[in-house]
C-alpha atoms as a PDB file:
ATOM      1  CA  MET A   1     111.355 100.090 127.462  1.00  0.00           C
ATOM      2  CA  LYS A   2     108.509 100.020 124.989  1.00  0.00           C
ATOM      3  CA  GLU A   3     109.604  98.775 121.455  1.00  0.00           C
ATOM      4  CA  LYS A   4     108.565 100.686 118.481  1.00  0.00           C
ATOM      5  CA  LEU A   5     105.705  99.183 116.747  1.00  0.00           C
ATOM      6  CA  SER A   6     105.835 100.886 113.445  1.00  0.00           C
ATOM      7  CA  PRO A   7     108.408 102.893 111.336  1.00  0.00           C
ATOM      8  CA  ARG A   8     107.916 106.498 111.173  1.00  0.00           C
ATOM      9  CA  LEU A   9     106.347 108.463 108.157  1.00  0.00           C
ATOM     10  CA  GLU A  10     109.646 109.288 106.535  1.00  0.00           C
ATOM     11  CA  LYS A  11     110.736 105.671 106.584  1.00  0.00           C
ATOM     12  CA  TYR A  12     107.445 104.755 104.534  1.00  0.00           C
ATOM     13  CA  VAL A  13     107.967 107.682 102.248  1.00  0.00           C
ATOM     14  CA  GLY A  14     111.504 106.686 101.368  1.00  0.00           C
ATOM     15  CA  ALA A  15     110.349 103.083 100.865  1.00  0.00           C
ATOM     16  CA  ALA A  16     107.574 104.127  98.621  1.00  0.00           C
ATOM     17  CA  ALA A  17     110.100 106.726  96.673  1.00  0.00           C
ATOM     18  CA  PHE A  18     112.436 103.748  96.211  1.00  0.00           C
ATOM     19  CA  ALA A  19     109.957 101.223  94.913  1.00  0.00           C
ATOM     20  CA  CYS A  20     108.453 104.029  92.589  1.00  0.00           C
ATOM     21  CA  GLY A  21     111.872 104.690  91.471  1.00  0.00           C
ATOM     22  CA  ILE A  22     112.405 101.131  90.295  1.00  0.00           C
ATOM     23  CA  ALA A  23     108.733 101.191  88.637  1.00  0.00           C
ATOM     24  CA  TRP A  24     109.398 104.515  86.835  1.00  0.00           C
ATOM     25  CA  PHE A  25     112.809 103.431  85.618  1.00  0.00           C
ATOM     26  CA  TRP A  26     111.073 100.084  84.138  1.00  0.00           C
ATOM     27  CA  ASP A  27     108.416 102.216  82.506  1.00  0.00           C
ATOM     28  CA  PHE A  28     110.997 104.360  80.717  1.00  0.00           C
ATOM     29  CA  LEU A  29     112.865 101.415  79.639  1.00  0.00           C
ATOM     30  CA  ALA A  30     109.600  99.731  78.479  1.00  0.00           C
ATOM     31  CA  SER A  31     108.833 102.760  76.525  1.00  0.00           C
ATOM     32  CA  LEU A  32     112.058 103.049  74.771  1.00  0.00           C
ATOM     33  CA  TYR A  33     112.311  99.322  73.572  1.00  0.00           C
ATOM     34  CA  PHE A  34     108.570  98.632  73.312  1.00  0.00           C
ATOM     35  CA  PRO A  35     106.999 101.587  72.064  1.00  0.00           C
ATOM     36  CA  GLY A  36     103.273 101.299  72.028  1.00  0.00           C
ATOM     37  CA  GLU A  37     103.091  97.843  73.008  1.00  0.00           C
ATOM     38  CA  THR A  38     100.221  96.857  75.231  1.00  0.00           C
ATOM     39  CA  ALA A  39     100.880  92.989  74.712  1.00  0.00           C
ATOM     40  CA  LEU A  40     100.011  90.504  77.556  1.00  0.00           C
ATOM     41  CA  ASN A  41     103.673  89.643  77.745  1.00  0.00           C
ATOM     42  CA  LEU A  42     104.716  93.253  78.654  1.00  0.00           C
ATOM     43  CA  THR A  43     102.019  93.549  81.039  1.00  0.00           C
ATOM     44  CA  LEU A  44     102.962  90.293  82.905  1.00  0.00           C
ATOM     45  CA  LEU A  45     106.561  91.276  82.668  1.00  0.00           C
ATOM     46  CA  SER A  46     105.604  94.743  84.136  1.00  0.00           C
ATOM     47  CA  ALA A  47     103.677  93.410  86.866  1.00  0.00           C
ATOM     48  CA  LEU A  48     106.773  91.068  88.179  1.00  0.00           C
ATOM     49  CA  VAL A  49     108.807  94.379  88.080  1.00  0.00           C
ATOM     50  CA  TYR A  50     106.352  96.184  90.244  1.00  0.00           C
ATOM     51  CA  LEU A  51     106.033  93.231  92.597  1.00  0.00           C
ATOM     52  CA  GLU A  52     109.796  93.016  92.840  1.00  0.00           C
ATOM     53  CA  ALA A  53     110.153  96.784  93.490  1.00  0.00           C
ATOM     54  CA  ALA A  54     107.610  96.592  96.246  1.00  0.00           C
ATOM     55  CA  PHE A  55     109.325  93.342  97.749  1.00  0.00           C
ATOM     56  CA  LEU A  56     112.708  94.998  97.775  1.00  0.00           C
ATOM     57  CA  SER A  57     111.454  98.470  99.559  1.00  0.00           C
ATOM     58  CA  ALA A  58     109.090  96.394 102.044  1.00  0.00           C
ATOM     59  CA  PHE A  59     112.033  93.979 102.807  1.00  0.00           C
ATOM     60  CA  GLY A  60     114.381  96.677 103.249  1.00  0.00           C
ATOM     61  CA  LEU A  61     112.304  98.576 105.706  1.00  0.00           C
ATOM     62  CA  THR A  62     111.112  95.477 107.729  1.00  0.00           C
ATOM     63  CA  ARG A  63     114.203  93.292 107.823  1.00  0.00           C
ATOM     64  CA  LYS A  64     115.105  94.728 111.064  1.00  0.00           C
ATOM     65  CA  MET A  65     111.729  94.981 112.826  1.00  0.00           C
ATOM     66  CA  ARG A  66     110.851  92.272 115.335  1.00  0.00           C
ATOM     67  CA  THR A  67     107.032  92.470 114.890  1.00  0.00           C
ATOM     68  CA  ARG A  68     104.423  93.523 112.410  1.00  0.00           C
ATOM     69  CA  GLN A  69     106.455  92.971 109.262  1.00  0.00           C
ATOM     70  CA  ILE A  70     103.596  91.966 107.180  1.00  0.00           C
ATOM     71  CA  HIS A  71     101.525  94.800 108.250  1.00  0.00           C
ATOM     72  CA  VAL A  72     104.314  97.396 107.547  1.00  0.00           C
ATOM     73  CA  GLY A  73     105.033  95.551 104.014  1.00  0.00           C
ATOM     74  CA  ILE A  74     101.359  95.909 103.087  1.00  0.00           C
ATOM     75  CA  ARG A  75     101.361  99.474 104.131  1.00  0.00           C
ATOM     76  CA  VAL A  76     104.589 100.039 102.084  1.00  0.00           C
ATOM     77  CA  GLY A  77     102.673  98.539  98.986  1.00  0.00           C
ATOM     78  CA  LEU A  78      99.685 100.661  99.550  1.00  0.00           C
ATOM     79  CA  GLY A  79     101.905 103.944  99.848  1.00  0.00           C
ATOM     80  CA  THR A  80     103.851 102.812  96.698  1.00  0.00           C
ATOM     81  CA  TRP A  81     100.704 102.594  94.747  1.00  0.00           C
ATOM     82  CA  MET A  82      99.317 105.844  96.023  1.00  0.00           C
ATOM     83  CA  THR A  83     102.459 107.664  95.143  1.00  0.00           C
ATOM     84  CA  ASN A  84     102.777 106.090  91.728  1.00  0.00           C
ATOM     85  CA  MET A  85      99.006 106.796  91.038  1.00  0.00           C
ATOM     86  CA  VAL A  86      99.384 110.518  92.080  1.00  0.00           C
ATOM     87  CA  PHE A  87     102.602 110.756  89.711  1.00  0.00           C
ATOM     88  CA  ARG A  88     100.687 109.281  86.846  1.00  0.00           C
ATOM     89  CA  LEU A  89      97.731 111.559  87.436  1.00  0.00           C
ATOM     90  CA  ILE A  90     100.048 114.615  87.386  1.00  0.00           C
ATOM     91  CA  VAL A  91     102.080 113.623  84.332  1.00  0.00           C
ATOM     92  CA  PHE A  92      99.651 111.717  81.975  1.00  0.00           C
ATOM     93  CA  GLU A  93      95.878 112.245  81.012  1.00  0.00           C
ATOM     94  CA  LEU A  94      93.241 110.456  83.153  1.00  0.00           C
ATOM     95  CA  ASN A  95      92.532 107.590  80.770  1.00  0.00           C
ATOM     96  CA  GLU A  96      96.276 106.842  80.356  1.00  0.00           C
ATOM     97  CA  ALA A  97      96.883 107.445  83.891  1.00  0.00           C
ATOM     98  CA  LEU A  98      94.021 104.783  85.050  1.00  0.00           C
ATOM     99  CA  TRP A  99      94.981 102.177  82.448  1.00  0.00           C
ATOM    100  CA  GLY A 100      97.435 100.206  84.564  1.00  0.00           C
ATOM    101  CA  MET A 101      95.981 100.858  88.032  1.00  0.00           C
ATOM    102  CA  VAL A 102      94.918  97.456  88.631  1.00  0.00           C
ATOM    103  CA  ILE A 103      98.382  95.901  87.347  1.00  0.00           C
ATOM    104  CA  TYR A 104     100.139  98.404  89.778  1.00  0.00           C
ATOM    105  CA  PHE A 105      97.978  97.778  92.581  1.00  0.00           C
ATOM    106  CA  PHE A 106      98.250  93.964  92.806  1.00  0.00           C
ATOM    107  CA  GLY A 107     102.010  94.278  91.936  1.00  0.00           C
ATOM    108  CA  PHE A 108     102.834  96.555  94.640  1.00  0.00           C
ATOM    109  CA  MET A 109     100.675  94.889  97.500  1.00  0.00           C
ATOM    110  CA  ILE A 110     101.745  91.377  96.678  1.00  0.00           C
ATOM    111  CA  GLY A 111     105.312  92.666  96.640  1.00  0.00           C
ATOM    112  CA  GLY A 112     104.806  94.497  99.990  1.00  0.00           C
ATOM    113  CA  PHE A 113     103.224  91.326 101.508  1.00  0.00           C
ATOM    114  CA  LEU A 114     106.117  89.104 100.404  1.00  0.00           C
ATOM    115  CA  GLY A 115     108.606  91.347 101.603  1.00  0.00           C
ATOM    116  CA  GLY A 116     107.085  91.647 104.907  1.00  0.00           C
ATOM    117  CA  LEU A 117     106.708  87.779 104.953  1.00  0.00           C
ATOM    118  CA  PHE A 118     110.457  87.059 104.064  1.00  0.00           C
ATOM    119  CA  ALA A 119     111.476  89.628 106.756  1.00  0.00           C
ATOM    120  CA  ARG A 120     109.281  87.845 109.131  1.00  0.00           C
ATOM    121  CA  ALA A 121     110.838  84.578 108.180  1.00  0.00           C
ATOM    122  CA  PHE A 122     114.279  86.035 109.162  1.00  0.00           C
ATOM    123  CA  HIS A 123     112.939  86.614 112.666  1.00  0.00           C
ATOM    124  CA  ARG A 124     111.523  83.341 113.263  1.00  0.00           C
ATOM    125  CA  PRO A 125     113.162  81.498 116.261  1.00  0.00           C
ATOM    126  CA  ASP A 126     115.359  78.642 115.415  1.00  0.00           C
ATOM    127  CA  THR A 127     113.330  75.378 115.721  1.00  0.00           C
ATOM    128  CA  SER A 128     116.009  72.891 114.614  1.00  0.00           C
ATOM    129  CA  GLY A 129     116.865  71.865 118.145  1.00  0.00           C
ATOM    130  CA  LYS A 130     120.302  72.743 117.969  1.00  0.00           C
ATOM    131  CA  SER A 131     121.732  74.731 120.984  1.00  0.00           C
END
């Protein structure tokens, strides 16, 4: 029987929505507690939150897959970034929406990659020699 190589579209959409939900919740909290701040510290903290959001969603999607975990994790990161950018372009003005595009991109892509990498590590065969 042929094994499925990749999840279906609704799984990708669900993972992207989960990661975007975490990112949007963080953006909401940051706007409450740090209004008008664009400091480097807040930007780096935000990048870590975006990385974590993509990591959790990519790992959640790929943890039971046998192959192609990293490929799917990167797809989750890219889908999350695209979903987030569409939302920001609808809600905010163009210059405000594009301000954090690079931070979002790298945070989501690295998080998706790491989520797939960790899922792949769970499926690595046991090489300790124990039987």
